[in-house]
Amino acid sequence: MKDSFNDLTYNELVEKREELSKKYLDLRISNVMGHVENPLERRILKRKIARLNTIVHEYALGIRKSK
């Protein structure tokens, strides 16, 4: 599977989302400056953040239960 976020707890998911959001912001700034080694990394990070947002939202709706 792509990234297995299913085995993480709710708090770990929120922390991971914050970490990836900061990394995405740094990558965007680097891209503007023109110092990016892998330009596709932005798209990959954006999709990972979207997956995490979906899982966190499922916890909020009660679709997923805490382990």
Protein backbone atom coordinates (compact mmCIF):
# COMPACT_ATOMS: atom_id res chain seq x y z
CA MET A 1 0.00 0.00 0.00
CA LYS A 2 1.08 3.61 -0.44
CA ASP A 3 1.52 4.78 3.14
CA SER A 4 0.01 2.82 5.94
CA PHE A 5 -1.56 5.41 8.19
CA ASN A 6 -4.23 2.99 9.35
CA ASP A 7 -2.19 1.62 12.22
CA LEU A 8 -1.52 5.06 13.77
CA THR A 9 -3.51 6.45 16.67
CA TYR A 10 -5.50 9.66 16.39
CA ASN A 11 -2.83 11.76 18.13
CA GLU A 12 -0.09 10.30 15.95
CA LEU A 13 -2.14 11.10 12.86
CA VAL A 14 -2.55 14.72 13.90
CA GLU A 15 1.19 15.03 14.64
CA LYS A 16 2.09 13.44 11.31
CA ARG A 17 -0.27 15.81 9.50
CA GLU A 18 1.36 18.83 11.14
CA GLU A 19 4.82 17.51 10.30
CA LEU A 20 3.94 16.95 6.64
CA SER A 21 2.24 20.35 6.41
CA LYS A 22 5.42 22.07 7.62
CA LYS A 23 7.50 20.03 5.20
CA TYR A 24 5.11 20.96 2.37
CA LEU A 25 5.40 24.66 3.22
CA ASP A 26 9.21 24.45 3.23
CA LEU A 27 9.11 22.68 -0.11
CA ARG A 28 6.85 25.35 -1.59
CA ILE A 29 9.22 28.07 -0.46
CA SER A 30 12.19 26.17 -1.87
CA ASN A 31 10.34 25.75 -5.14
CA VAL A 32 9.84 29.49 -5.44
CA MET A 33 13.53 30.05 -4.76
CA GLY A 34 14.39 27.44 -7.39
CA HIS A 35 16.31 24.97 -5.21
CA VAL A 36 14.15 21.85 -5.48
CA GLU A 37 15.73 18.49 -6.29
CA ASN A 38 12.48 16.60 -6.85
CA PRO A 39 9.60 18.82 -8.05
CA LEU A 40 7.14 15.91 -7.85
CA GLU A 41 7.64 15.77 -4.08
CA ARG A 42 5.08 18.58 -3.68
CA ARG A 43 2.37 16.47 -5.29
CA ILE A 44 3.29 13.44 -3.21
CA LEU A 45 3.20 15.43 0.05
CA LYS A 46 -0.09 17.04 -0.89
CA ARG A 47 -1.68 13.63 -1.42
CA LYS A 48 -0.30 12.27 1.86
CA ILE A 49 -1.74 15.26 3.70
CA ALA A 50 -5.09 14.67 2.00
CA ARG A 51 -5.06 11.01 3.11
CA LEU A 52 -4.32 12.05 6.67
CA ASN A 53 -7.06 14.68 6.59
CA THR A 54 -9.52 12.04 5.43
CA ILE A 55 -8.62 9.64 8.23
CA VAL A 56 -8.74 12.39 10.89
CA HIS A 57 -12.14 13.49 9.57
CA GLU A 58 -13.40 9.90 9.76
CA TYR A 59 -12.47 9.87 13.45
CA ALA A 60 -14.38 13.13 13.92
CA LEU A 61 -17.47 11.71 12.21
CA GLY A 62 -17.29 8.49 14.21
CA ILE A 63 -16.69 6.27 11.19
CA ARG A 64 -13.40 5.11 12.68
CA LYS A 65 -13.14 4.17 16.32
CA SER A 66 -10.13 4.64 18.58
CA LYS A 67 -8.12 1.49 19.08
